[in-house]
């Protein structure tokens, strides 16, 4: 069975993540850190992954690279009389994924476009890099293509902010339903477990 060219692209990208690709990876991250937070690209860095999530080399498609700071939301130490347990400095986990934040930043930078999808590109000790695919709903080639014309519907307006992208739906717990997903959705009222044992009086 013949191997497609996209399989070779994916294999070559995985090689850059190993020890043999350390020099190339270091050079890439060094250049990416010097650029703006949202940088427009002429071509996707990972063409195989871009096409898998909806990218097409035609008018109306735009690819940008977004840089997001890694880590949780650590707060400054409070100089006041309270227990360290209740200061609220550590373990401040984000409710959104960094990939979802990257999509929102790209949407803010290009308000006339719509976010189609995104994928991981690389990371270092301080930052993560994602490539975000945006689509121009008013472009003639987009409007005439029935495979992507749906993104111009009013229901898809500002979809990155409304939690309609793939990364947002994953964070909202919409990747499955039924048995096994009872506590999958991030609802505090639904997923709150009892903090104390309820005493039940047995009447003989």
N, C-alpha and C. Protein backbone atom coordinates (compact mmCIF):
# COMPACT_ATOMS: atom_id res chain seq x y z
N UNK A 1 0.85 -1.19 0.00
CA UNK A 1 0.00 0.00 0.00
C UNK A 1 0.89 1.24 0.00
N UNK A 2 0.61 2.16 -0.92
CA UNK A 2 1.42 3.37 -1.05
C UNK A 2 1.16 4.33 0.12
N UNK A 3 2.21 5.01 0.52
CA UNK A 3 2.11 5.99 1.59
C UNK A 3 1.89 7.37 1.00
N UNK A 4 0.93 8.10 1.53
CA UNK A 4 0.62 9.42 1.00
C UNK A 4 1.70 10.42 1.40
N UNK A 5 1.71 11.53 0.69
CA UNK A 5 2.70 12.56 0.97
C UNK A 5 2.45 13.20 2.33
N UNK A 6 1.18 13.23 2.78
CA UNK A 6 0.88 13.80 4.08
C UNK A 6 1.40 12.92 5.22
N UNK A 7 1.47 11.61 4.96
CA UNK A 7 2.05 10.72 5.97
C UNK A 7 3.54 11.00 6.13
N UNK A 8 4.21 11.29 5.03
CA UNK A 8 5.63 11.65 5.11
C UNK A 8 5.81 12.98 5.83
N UNK A 9 4.89 13.94 5.60
CA UNK A 9 4.96 15.23 6.28
C UNK A 9 4.80 15.06 7.79
N UNK A 10 3.85 14.24 8.19
CA UNK A 10 3.65 14.00 9.62
C UNK A 10 4.85 13.32 10.24
N UNK A 11 5.46 12.40 9.50
CA UNK A 11 6.63 11.69 10.02
C UNK A 11 7.83 12.63 10.16
N UNK A 12 8.00 13.52 9.20
CA UNK A 12 9.11 14.47 9.29
C UNK A 12 8.92 15.47 10.42
N UNK A 13 7.66 15.84 10.70
CA UNK A 13 7.43 16.75 11.82
C UNK A 13 7.70 16.06 13.14
N UNK A 14 7.34 14.80 13.27
CA UNK A 14 7.62 14.07 14.50
C UNK A 14 9.12 13.92 14.73
N UNK A 15 9.88 13.85 13.66
CA UNK A 15 11.33 13.76 13.82
C UNK A 15 11.92 15.04 14.39
N UNK A 16 11.29 16.19 14.12
CA UNK A 16 11.78 17.44 14.68
C UNK A 16 11.53 17.53 16.18
N UNK A 17 10.64 16.67 16.72
CA UNK A 17 10.35 16.69 18.14
C UNK A 17 11.30 15.80 18.93
N UNK A 18 12.13 15.01 18.25
CA UNK A 18 13.06 14.13 18.94
C UNK A 18 14.43 14.76 19.11
N UNK A 19 15.38 13.93 19.50
CA UNK A 19 16.74 14.40 19.73
C UNK A 19 17.43 14.81 18.44
N UNK A 20 17.09 14.13 17.33
CA UNK A 20 17.76 14.45 16.07
C UNK A 20 17.30 15.80 15.51
N UNK A 21 16.15 16.28 15.94
CA UNK A 21 15.66 17.56 15.45
C UNK A 21 15.76 18.67 16.46
N UNK A 22 16.63 18.52 17.45
CA UNK A 22 16.75 19.53 18.51
C UNK A 22 17.27 20.86 17.97
N UNK A 23 18.21 20.81 17.03
CA UNK A 23 18.78 22.05 16.49
C UNK A 23 17.74 22.83 15.70
N UNK A 24 16.98 22.13 14.85
CA UNK A 24 15.94 22.81 14.08
C UNK A 24 14.84 23.34 14.98
N UNK A 25 14.46 22.55 15.98
CA UNK A 25 13.41 22.99 16.90
C UNK A 25 13.86 24.21 17.69
N UNK A 26 15.11 24.24 18.11
CA UNK A 26 15.62 25.39 18.86
C UNK A 26 15.64 26.64 17.98
N UNK A 27 16.01 26.50 16.73
CA UNK A 27 16.05 27.65 15.83
C UNK A 27 14.65 28.17 15.55
N UNK A 28 13.71 27.26 15.37
CA UNK A 28 12.32 27.68 15.12
C UNK A 28 11.76 28.45 16.31
N UNK A 29 11.89 27.89 17.50
CA UNK A 29 11.33 28.54 18.68
C UNK A 29 12.01 29.88 18.94
N UNK A 30 13.29 29.96 18.64
CA UNK A 30 13.99 31.22 18.83
C UNK A 30 13.44 32.30 17.92
N UNK A 31 13.14 31.94 16.68
CA UNK A 31 12.57 32.92 15.76
C UNK A 31 11.12 33.25 16.10
N UNK A 32 10.36 32.25 16.53
CA UNK A 32 8.96 32.49 16.86
C UNK A 32 8.82 33.40 18.07
N UNK A 33 9.71 33.28 19.03
CA UNK A 33 9.61 34.12 20.23
C UNK A 33 9.86 35.59 19.90
N UNK A 34 10.63 35.86 18.87
CA UNK A 34 10.94 37.24 18.51
C UNK A 34 9.82 37.91 17.71
N UNK A 35 8.89 37.14 17.21
CA UNK A 35 7.81 37.70 16.40
C UNK A 35 6.66 38.17 17.28
N UNK A 36 5.64 38.71 16.63
CA UNK A 36 4.47 39.21 17.35
C UNK A 36 3.67 38.04 17.92
N UNK A 37 2.77 38.38 18.82
CA UNK A 37 1.93 37.34 19.43
C UNK A 37 1.07 36.65 18.38
N UNK A 38 0.52 37.41 17.46
CA UNK A 38 -0.28 36.87 16.36
C UNK A 38 0.45 37.22 15.07
N UNK A 39 0.97 36.21 14.38
CA UNK A 39 1.76 36.41 13.17
C UNK A 39 1.08 35.69 12.01
N UNK A 40 0.83 36.42 10.94
CA UNK A 40 0.21 35.83 9.76
C UNK A 40 1.27 35.08 8.94
N UNK A 41 0.89 33.92 8.42
CA UNK A 41 1.79 33.07 7.65
C UNK A 41 1.28 32.93 6.22
N UNK A 42 2.21 32.70 5.31
CA UNK A 42 1.83 32.46 3.93
C UNK A 42 1.35 31.03 3.72
N UNK A 43 1.99 30.09 4.40
CA UNK A 43 1.64 28.68 4.26
C UNK A 43 1.65 28.04 5.65
N UNK A 44 0.86 27.01 5.88
CA UNK A 44 0.89 26.31 7.17
C UNK A 44 2.22 25.61 7.38
N UNK A 45 2.66 25.60 8.62
CA UNK A 45 3.88 24.88 8.97
C UNK A 45 3.67 23.37 8.92
N UNK A 46 2.51 22.93 9.35
CA UNK A 46 2.14 21.51 9.30
C UNK A 46 0.99 21.36 8.31
N UNK A 47 1.33 21.16 7.04
CA UNK A 47 0.30 21.11 6.00
C UNK A 47 -0.61 19.91 6.18
N UNK A 48 -0.06 18.78 6.61
CA UNK A 48 -0.90 17.60 6.79
C UNK A 48 -1.94 17.83 7.88
N UNK A 49 -1.52 18.45 8.98
CA UNK A 49 -2.46 18.70 10.08
C UNK A 49 -3.45 19.80 9.70
N UNK A 50 -3.00 20.78 8.96
CA UNK A 50 -3.89 21.87 8.56
C UNK A 50 -5.00 21.37 7.65
N UNK A 51 -4.66 20.53 6.69
CA UNK A 51 -5.68 19.99 5.81
C UNK A 51 -6.63 19.05 6.53
N UNK A 52 -6.12 18.37 7.54
CA UNK A 52 -6.97 17.46 8.30
C UNK A 52 -8.05 18.20 9.08
N UNK A 53 -7.78 19.44 9.47
CA UNK A 53 -8.76 20.20 10.26
C UNK A 53 -9.50 21.22 9.42
N UNK A 54 -9.37 21.17 8.09
CA UNK A 54 -10.24 21.97 7.24
C UNK A 54 -9.57 22.98 6.34
N UNK A 55 -8.25 23.11 6.38
CA UNK A 55 -7.58 24.12 5.55
C UNK A 55 -7.57 23.71 4.09
N UNK A 56 -7.77 24.69 3.19
CA UNK A 56 -7.66 24.49 1.76
C UNK A 56 -6.88 25.65 1.17
N UNK A 57 -6.03 25.34 0.18
CA UNK A 57 -5.20 26.36 -0.45
C UNK A 57 -6.01 27.11 -1.49
N UNK A 58 -6.89 27.98 -1.02
CA UNK A 58 -7.73 28.77 -1.91
C UNK A 58 -8.00 30.11 -1.25
N UNK A 59 -8.58 31.01 -2.00
CA UNK A 59 -8.86 32.33 -1.46
C UNK A 59 -9.83 32.29 -0.30
N UNK A 60 -9.59 33.16 0.67
CA UNK A 60 -10.46 33.22 1.84
C UNK A 60 -9.92 32.51 3.05
N UNK A 61 -8.90 31.66 2.90
CA UNK A 61 -8.29 30.95 4.02
C UNK A 61 -7.03 31.68 4.46
N UNK A 62 -6.89 31.89 5.76
CA UNK A 62 -5.74 32.58 6.34
C UNK A 62 -5.23 31.75 7.51
N UNK A 63 -3.91 31.66 7.62
CA UNK A 63 -3.27 30.91 8.70
C UNK A 63 -2.42 31.87 9.52
N UNK A 64 -2.58 31.85 10.83
CA UNK A 64 -1.80 32.69 11.73
C UNK A 64 -1.21 31.81 12.82
N UNK A 65 -0.05 32.24 13.32
CA UNK A 65 0.59 31.58 14.45
C UNK A 65 0.41 32.44 15.69
N UNK A 66 -0.08 31.82 16.77
CA UNK A 66 -0.41 32.54 18.00
C UNK A 66 0.46 32.00 19.13
N UNK A 67 0.98 32.90 19.94
CA UNK A 67 1.80 32.55 21.09
C UNK A 67 1.01 32.78 22.37
N UNK A 68 1.00 31.78 23.25
CA UNK A 68 0.25 31.85 24.51
C UNK A 68 1.19 31.46 25.64
N UNK A 69 1.12 32.19 26.74
CA UNK A 69 1.96 31.89 27.90
C UNK A 69 1.49 30.61 28.57
N UNK A 70 2.45 29.77 28.95
CA UNK A 70 2.13 28.50 29.59
C UNK A 70 1.91 28.69 31.09
N UNK A 71 1.38 27.64 31.70
CA UNK A 71 1.24 27.62 33.15
C UNK A 71 -0.13 28.06 33.62
N UNK A 72 -0.34 27.93 34.94
CA UNK A 72 -1.59 28.34 35.54
C UNK A 72 -1.61 29.82 35.88
N UNK A 73 -2.65 30.23 36.54
CA UNK A 73 -2.83 31.63 36.89
C UNK A 73 -2.37 31.87 38.33
N UNK A 74 -1.06 31.84 38.52
CA UNK A 74 -0.53 32.11 39.85
C UNK A 74 -0.74 33.58 40.21
N UNK A 75 -1.16 33.83 41.43
CA UNK A 75 -1.43 35.18 41.89
C UNK A 75 -0.28 35.68 42.77
N UNK A 76 -0.24 36.97 42.97
CA UNK A 76 0.76 37.55 43.85
C UNK A 76 0.43 37.23 45.30
N UNK A 77 1.46 37.09 46.09
CA UNK A 77 1.26 36.74 47.50
C UNK A 77 0.53 37.87 48.23
N UNK A 78 -0.41 37.48 49.07
CA UNK A 78 -1.21 38.44 49.84
C UNK A 78 -0.54 38.64 51.20
N UNK A 79 -0.19 39.87 51.50
CA UNK A 79 0.40 40.19 52.80
C UNK A 79 -0.72 40.55 53.75
N UNK A 80 -1.31 39.56 54.32
CA UNK A 80 -2.44 39.80 55.22
C UNK A 80 -2.56 38.59 56.15
N UNK A 81 -3.34 38.73 57.18
CA UNK A 81 -3.48 37.68 58.16
C UNK A 81 -4.50 36.65 57.74
N UNK A 82 -4.06 35.64 57.07
CA UNK A 82 -4.93 34.53 56.72
C UNK A 82 -4.07 33.29 56.49
N UNK A 83 -4.68 32.16 56.50
CA UNK A 83 -3.96 30.92 56.32
C UNK A 83 -3.46 30.79 54.88
N UNK A 84 -2.26 30.25 54.69
CA UNK A 84 -1.77 30.05 53.31
C UNK A 84 -2.71 29.17 52.49
N UNK A 85 -3.45 28.30 53.17
CA UNK A 85 -4.37 27.43 52.46
C UNK A 85 -5.48 28.22 51.78
N UNK A 86 -5.84 29.36 52.36
CA UNK A 86 -6.96 30.15 51.87
C UNK A 86 -6.51 31.42 51.13
N UNK A 87 -5.24 31.51 50.81
CA UNK A 87 -4.77 32.70 50.10
C UNK A 87 -5.21 32.72 48.64
N UNK A 88 -5.34 31.54 48.04
CA UNK A 88 -5.76 31.50 46.65
C UNK A 88 -4.66 31.92 45.70
N UNK A 89 -3.46 31.37 45.87
CA UNK A 89 -2.33 31.71 45.01
C UNK A 89 -2.02 30.55 44.05
N UNK A 90 -1.90 29.35 44.60
CA UNK A 90 -1.56 28.20 43.79
C UNK A 90 -2.82 27.45 43.37
N UNK A 91 -2.64 26.52 42.45
CA UNK A 91 -3.72 25.65 41.97
C UNK A 91 -4.87 26.44 41.38
N UNK A 92 -4.56 27.55 40.72
CA UNK A 92 -5.58 28.34 40.03
C UNK A 92 -5.62 27.88 38.57
N UNK A 93 -6.35 26.81 38.33
CA UNK A 93 -6.38 26.20 37.00
C UNK A 93 -7.34 26.98 36.10
N UNK A 94 -6.91 27.16 34.86
CA UNK A 94 -7.74 27.85 33.89
C UNK A 94 -8.95 27.00 33.51
N UNK A 95 -10.07 27.66 33.29
CA UNK A 95 -11.26 26.95 32.82
C UNK A 95 -11.20 26.70 31.32
N UNK A 96 -10.35 27.45 30.60
CA UNK A 96 -10.20 27.28 29.16
C UNK A 96 -8.82 26.68 28.87
N UNK A 97 -8.74 25.96 27.78
CA UNK A 97 -7.45 25.44 27.34
C UNK A 97 -6.66 26.55 26.66
N UNK A 98 -5.34 26.38 26.61
CA UNK A 98 -4.50 27.38 25.96
C UNK A 98 -4.77 27.44 24.46
N UNK A 99 -5.15 26.33 23.88
CA UNK A 99 -5.51 26.34 22.46
C UNK A 99 -6.76 27.17 22.21
N UNK A 100 -7.71 27.09 23.11
CA UNK A 100 -8.92 27.90 22.98
C UNK A 100 -8.60 29.38 23.16
N UNK A 101 -7.70 29.72 24.06
CA UNK A 101 -7.29 31.10 24.24
C UNK A 101 -6.58 31.61 22.99
N UNK A 102 -5.78 30.76 22.35
CA UNK A 102 -5.11 31.16 21.12
C UNK A 102 -6.13 31.47 20.02
N UNK A 103 -7.19 30.69 19.94
CA UNK A 103 -8.23 30.96 18.94
C UNK A 103 -8.93 32.29 19.21
N UNK A 104 -9.18 32.58 20.46
CA UNK A 104 -9.84 33.84 20.79
C UNK A 104 -8.94 35.04 20.49
N UNK A 105 -7.65 34.89 20.70
CA UNK A 105 -6.73 35.98 20.38
C UNK A 105 -6.65 36.22 18.88
N UNK A 106 -6.67 35.13 18.11
CA UNK A 106 -6.68 35.29 16.66
C UNK A 106 -7.97 35.94 16.19
N UNK A 107 -9.10 35.58 16.80
CA UNK A 107 -10.38 36.20 16.46
C UNK A 107 -10.39 37.68 16.80
N UNK A 108 -9.78 38.05 17.89
CA UNK A 108 -9.71 39.46 18.28
C UNK A 108 -8.83 40.25 17.32
N UNK A 109 -7.78 39.62 16.83
CA UNK A 109 -6.86 40.29 15.91
C UNK A 109 -7.46 40.46 14.52
N UNK A 110 -8.32 39.52 14.12
CA UNK A 110 -8.98 39.57 12.81
C UNK A 110 -10.49 39.51 13.03
N UNK A 111 -11.13 40.62 13.38
CA UNK A 111 -12.56 40.58 13.73
C UNK A 111 -13.48 40.29 12.55
N UNK A 112 -13.00 40.49 11.31
CA UNK A 112 -13.85 40.23 10.16
C UNK A 112 -13.77 38.80 9.65
N UNK A 113 -12.95 37.96 10.30
CA UNK A 113 -12.81 36.56 9.92
C UNK A 113 -13.41 35.66 10.99
N UNK A 114 -13.58 34.40 10.62
CA UNK A 114 -14.11 33.41 11.56
C UNK A 114 -13.09 32.29 11.73
N UNK A 115 -12.94 31.84 12.97
CA UNK A 115 -11.99 30.76 13.28
C UNK A 115 -12.60 29.44 12.85
N UNK A 116 -11.87 28.72 12.01
CA UNK A 116 -12.33 27.40 11.57
C UNK A 116 -11.82 26.31 12.50
N UNK A 117 -10.52 26.30 12.77
CA UNK A 117 -9.94 25.27 13.63
C UNK A 117 -8.51 25.68 13.97
N UNK A 118 -7.83 24.86 14.76
CA UNK A 118 -6.46 25.15 15.16
C UNK A 118 -5.77 23.85 15.53
N UNK A 119 -4.46 23.92 15.70
CA UNK A 119 -3.68 22.75 16.08
C UNK A 119 -2.39 23.20 16.74
N UNK A 120 -1.80 22.28 17.52
CA UNK A 120 -0.57 22.55 18.27
C UNK A 120 0.60 22.61 17.31
N UNK A 121 1.55 23.51 17.61
CA UNK A 121 2.70 23.69 16.74
C UNK A 121 4.02 23.45 17.47
N UNK A 122 4.14 23.91 18.69
CA UNK A 122 5.37 23.73 19.45
C UNK A 122 5.26 24.44 20.78
N UNK A 123 6.26 24.23 21.62
CA UNK A 123 6.26 24.85 22.94
C UNK A 123 7.67 24.85 23.50
N UNK A 124 7.91 25.76 24.43
CA UNK A 124 9.15 25.79 25.17
C UNK A 124 8.80 25.88 26.65
N UNK A 125 9.72 26.33 27.47
CA UNK A 125 9.46 26.36 28.89
C UNK A 125 8.46 27.41 29.33
N UNK A 126 8.24 28.43 28.53
CA UNK A 126 7.37 29.53 28.93
C UNK A 126 6.14 29.70 28.06
N UNK A 127 6.19 29.29 26.81
CA UNK A 127 5.11 29.60 25.88
C UNK A 127 4.75 28.39 25.04
N UNK A 128 3.53 28.43 24.53
CA UNK A 128 3.04 27.45 23.57
C UNK A 128 2.66 28.18 22.28
N UNK A 129 2.83 27.48 21.17
CA UNK A 129 2.54 28.05 19.87
C UNK A 129 1.49 27.20 19.16
N UNK A 130 0.49 27.88 18.62
CA UNK A 130 -0.58 27.23 17.89
C UNK A 130 -0.75 27.93 16.54
N UNK A 131 -1.21 27.16 15.56
CA UNK A 131 -1.60 27.73 14.28
C UNK A 131 -3.11 27.69 14.18
N UNK A 132 -3.69 28.83 13.86
CA UNK A 132 -5.13 28.99 13.80
C UNK A 132 -5.52 29.25 12.36
N UNK A 133 -6.54 28.54 11.89
CA UNK A 133 -7.05 28.71 10.53
C UNK A 133 -8.29 29.59 10.59
N UNK A 134 -8.25 30.68 9.86
CA UNK A 134 -9.38 31.61 9.80
C UNK A 134 -9.92 31.65 8.38
N UNK A 135 -11.21 31.94 8.27
CA UNK A 135 -11.91 31.96 6.98
C UNK A 135 -12.64 33.29 6.86
N UNK A 136 -12.60 33.86 5.65
CA UNK A 136 -13.31 35.10 5.36
C UNK A 136 -14.69 34.73 4.82
N UNK A 137 -15.76 34.93 5.58
CA UNK A 137 -17.09 34.53 5.10
C UNK A 137 -17.58 35.33 3.89
N UNK A 138 -17.06 36.52 3.69
CA UNK A 138 -17.51 37.36 2.58
C UNK A 138 -16.70 37.17 1.31
N UNK A 139 -15.74 36.26 1.32
CA UNK A 139 -14.92 36.03 0.13
C UNK A 139 -15.74 35.27 -0.92
N UNK A 140 -15.65 35.65 -2.20
CA UNK A 140 -16.46 34.97 -3.24
C UNK A 140 -16.18 33.48 -3.35
N UNK A 141 -14.92 33.07 -3.21
CA UNK A 141 -14.62 31.65 -3.30
C UNK A 141 -15.18 30.86 -2.14
N UNK A 142 -15.29 31.49 -0.98
CA UNK A 142 -15.87 30.81 0.18
C UNK A 142 -17.38 30.70 0.02
N UNK A 143 -18.01 31.75 -0.46
CA UNK A 143 -19.46 31.73 -0.63
C UNK A 143 -19.92 30.76 -1.71
N UNK A 144 -19.07 30.53 -2.71
CA UNK A 144 -19.45 29.64 -3.81
C UNK A 144 -19.10 28.19 -3.55
N UNK A 145 -18.39 27.90 -2.47
CA UNK A 145 -18.00 26.52 -2.15
C UNK A 145 -19.00 25.94 -1.15
N UNK A 146 -19.78 24.94 -1.53
CA UNK A 146 -20.79 24.41 -0.58
C UNK A 146 -20.18 23.71 0.63
N UNK A 147 -18.89 23.32 0.56
CA UNK A 147 -18.27 22.62 1.69
C UNK A 147 -17.90 23.56 2.83
N UNK A 148 -17.73 24.85 2.54
CA UNK A 148 -17.31 25.79 3.57
C UNK A 148 -18.22 26.99 3.65
N UNK A 149 -19.24 27.07 2.81
CA UNK A 149 -20.13 28.23 2.82
C UNK A 149 -20.94 28.33 4.10
N UNK A 150 -21.02 27.23 4.86
CA UNK A 150 -21.80 27.25 6.10
C UNK A 150 -21.24 28.21 7.14
N UNK A 151 -19.95 28.55 7.00
CA UNK A 151 -19.33 29.40 8.01
C UNK A 151 -19.83 30.83 7.91
N UNK A 152 -20.49 31.18 6.82
CA UNK A 152 -21.05 32.52 6.68
C UNK A 152 -22.45 32.66 7.24
N UNK A 153 -23.01 31.60 7.82
CA UNK A 153 -24.36 31.67 8.39
C UNK A 153 -24.36 32.55 9.64
N UNK A 154 -25.48 33.20 9.94
CA UNK A 154 -25.52 34.03 11.16
C UNK A 154 -25.26 33.26 12.44
N UNK A 155 -25.56 31.98 12.45
CA UNK A 155 -25.34 31.19 13.66
C UNK A 155 -23.86 30.94 13.94
N UNK A 156 -23.00 31.17 12.94
CA UNK A 156 -21.57 30.94 13.10
C UNK A 156 -20.79 32.22 13.36
N UNK A 157 -21.47 33.31 13.64
CA UNK A 157 -20.80 34.58 13.88
C UNK A 157 -20.00 34.54 15.17
N UNK A 158 -18.73 34.95 15.10
CA UNK A 158 -17.84 35.02 16.26
C UNK A 158 -17.85 33.69 17.03
N UNK A 159 -17.65 32.64 16.29
CA UNK A 159 -17.78 31.29 16.86
C UNK A 159 -16.69 30.97 17.86
N UNK A 160 -15.54 31.62 17.79
CA UNK A 160 -14.48 31.36 18.77
C UNK A 160 -14.88 31.86 20.16
N UNK A 161 -15.63 32.95 20.23
CA UNK A 161 -16.06 33.49 21.52
C UNK A 161 -17.26 32.74 22.08
N UNK A 162 -18.02 32.10 21.22
CA UNK A 162 -19.25 31.44 21.65
C UNK A 162 -19.08 29.95 21.87
N UNK A 163 -17.84 29.48 21.84
CA UNK A 163 -17.58 28.08 22.16
C UNK A 163 -18.03 27.11 21.10
N UNK A 164 -17.90 27.46 19.81
CA UNK A 164 -18.35 26.59 18.73
C UNK A 164 -17.21 25.89 18.00
N UNK A 165 -15.96 26.22 18.32
CA UNK A 165 -14.84 25.57 17.67
C UNK A 165 -14.58 24.20 18.29
N UNK A 166 -13.68 23.46 17.67
CA UNK A 166 -13.39 22.11 18.16
C UNK A 166 -12.76 22.15 19.55
N UNK A 167 -11.81 23.07 19.77
CA UNK A 167 -11.17 23.16 21.09
C UNK A 167 -12.16 23.60 22.15
N UNK A 168 -13.07 24.50 21.79
CA UNK A 168 -14.06 24.97 22.76
C UNK A 168 -15.07 23.87 23.10
N UNK A 169 -15.49 23.10 22.11
CA UNK A 169 -16.45 22.03 22.38
C UNK A 169 -15.82 20.94 23.24
N UNK A 170 -14.53 20.74 23.10
CA UNK A 170 -13.85 19.78 23.97
C UNK A 170 -13.86 20.26 25.41
N UNK A 171 -13.59 21.55 25.63
CA UNK A 171 -13.61 22.10 26.97
C UNK A 171 -15.00 22.17 27.57
N UNK A 172 -16.01 22.27 26.73
CA UNK A 172 -17.39 22.31 27.21
C UNK A 172 -17.97 20.93 27.47
N UNK A 173 -17.21 19.89 27.15
CA UNK A 173 -17.69 18.54 27.40
C UNK A 173 -18.70 18.06 26.40
N UNK A 174 -18.58 18.49 25.15
CA UNK A 174 -19.56 18.12 24.13
C UNK A 174 -19.00 17.09 23.14
N UNK A 175 -17.99 16.34 23.54
CA UNK A 175 -17.42 15.34 22.67
C UNK A 175 -18.11 13.99 22.79
N UNK A 176 -19.06 13.87 23.67
CA UNK A 176 -19.77 12.61 23.80
C UNK A 176 -20.99 12.80 24.69
N UNK A 177 -21.84 11.82 24.69
CA UNK A 177 -23.05 11.88 25.51
C UNK A 177 -23.47 10.46 25.85
N UNK A 178 -24.36 10.35 26.82
CA UNK A 178 -24.86 9.04 27.21
C UNK A 178 -24.05 8.44 28.34
N UNK A 179 -24.02 7.12 28.37
CA UNK A 179 -23.37 6.41 29.46
C UNK A 179 -21.87 6.64 29.41
N UNK A 180 -21.31 7.00 30.56
CA UNK A 180 -19.89 7.30 30.64
C UNK A 180 -19.58 8.78 30.62
N UNK A 181 -20.56 9.61 30.27
CA UNK A 181 -20.35 11.06 30.20
C UNK A 181 -21.25 11.80 31.20
N UNK A 182 -21.62 11.08 32.29
CA UNK A 182 -22.55 11.71 33.23
C UNK A 182 -21.93 12.92 33.90
N UNK A 183 -20.65 12.86 34.23
CA UNK A 183 -19.97 13.95 34.91
C UNK A 183 -18.90 14.59 34.02
N UNK A 184 -19.09 14.49 32.74
CA UNK A 184 -18.07 14.97 31.81
C UNK A 184 -18.19 16.47 31.57
N UNK A 185 -19.38 17.00 31.62
CA UNK A 185 -19.58 18.40 31.32
C UNK A 185 -19.20 19.26 32.53
N UNK A 186 -18.56 20.40 32.30
CA UNK A 186 -18.09 21.22 33.43
C UNK A 186 -19.19 22.06 34.05
N UNK A 187 -20.15 21.40 34.66
CA UNK A 187 -21.22 22.08 35.36
C UNK A 187 -20.99 21.91 36.85
N UNK A 188 -20.79 23.00 37.55
CA UNK A 188 -20.47 22.91 38.97
C UNK A 188 -21.66 22.39 39.76
N UNK A 189 -22.86 22.78 39.37
CA UNK A 189 -24.03 22.30 40.09
C UNK A 189 -24.27 20.81 39.82
N UNK A 190 -23.99 20.38 38.59
CA UNK A 190 -24.24 18.99 38.25
C UNK A 190 -23.16 18.07 38.80
N UNK A 191 -21.93 18.52 38.83
CA UNK A 191 -20.82 17.65 39.21
C UNK A 191 -20.39 17.83 40.66
N UNK A 192 -21.11 18.60 41.43
CA UNK A 192 -20.73 18.81 42.82
C UNK A 192 -20.98 17.53 43.62
N UNK A 193 -19.95 17.04 44.23
CA UNK A 193 -20.09 15.83 45.05
C UNK A 193 -20.38 16.22 46.50
N UNK A 194 -21.08 15.40 47.22
CA UNK A 194 -21.39 15.74 48.61
C UNK A 194 -20.12 15.84 49.45
N UNK A 195 -20.00 16.93 50.19
CA UNK A 195 -18.80 17.15 51.00
C UNK A 195 -18.87 16.45 52.35
N UNK A 196 -20.03 16.06 52.76
CA UNK A 196 -20.16 15.37 54.05
C UNK A 196 -21.13 14.21 53.89
N UNK A 197 -20.97 13.26 54.75
CA UNK A 197 -21.84 12.10 54.69
C UNK A 197 -23.22 12.45 55.26
N UNK A 198 -24.23 12.08 54.55
CA UNK A 198 -25.59 12.36 54.99
C UNK A 198 -26.03 11.23 55.91
N UNK A 199 -26.44 11.61 57.10
CA UNK A 199 -26.89 10.60 58.07
C UNK A 199 -28.35 10.24 57.79
N UNK A 200 -28.55 8.99 57.68
CA UNK A 200 -29.90 8.47 57.41
C UNK A 200 -30.40 7.74 58.66
N UNK A 201 -31.54 8.17 59.12
CA UNK A 201 -32.13 7.54 60.30
C UNK A 201 -32.98 6.36 59.88
N UNK A 202 -32.62 5.22 60.40
CA UNK A 202 -33.35 4.00 60.06
C UNK A 202 -34.41 3.77 61.12
N UNK A 203 -35.63 3.66 60.66
CA UNK A 203 -36.75 3.42 61.59
C UNK A 203 -37.06 1.94 61.56
N UNK A 204 -36.92 1.27 62.70
CA UNK A 204 -37.17 -0.19 62.72
C UNK A 204 -38.65 -0.49 62.59
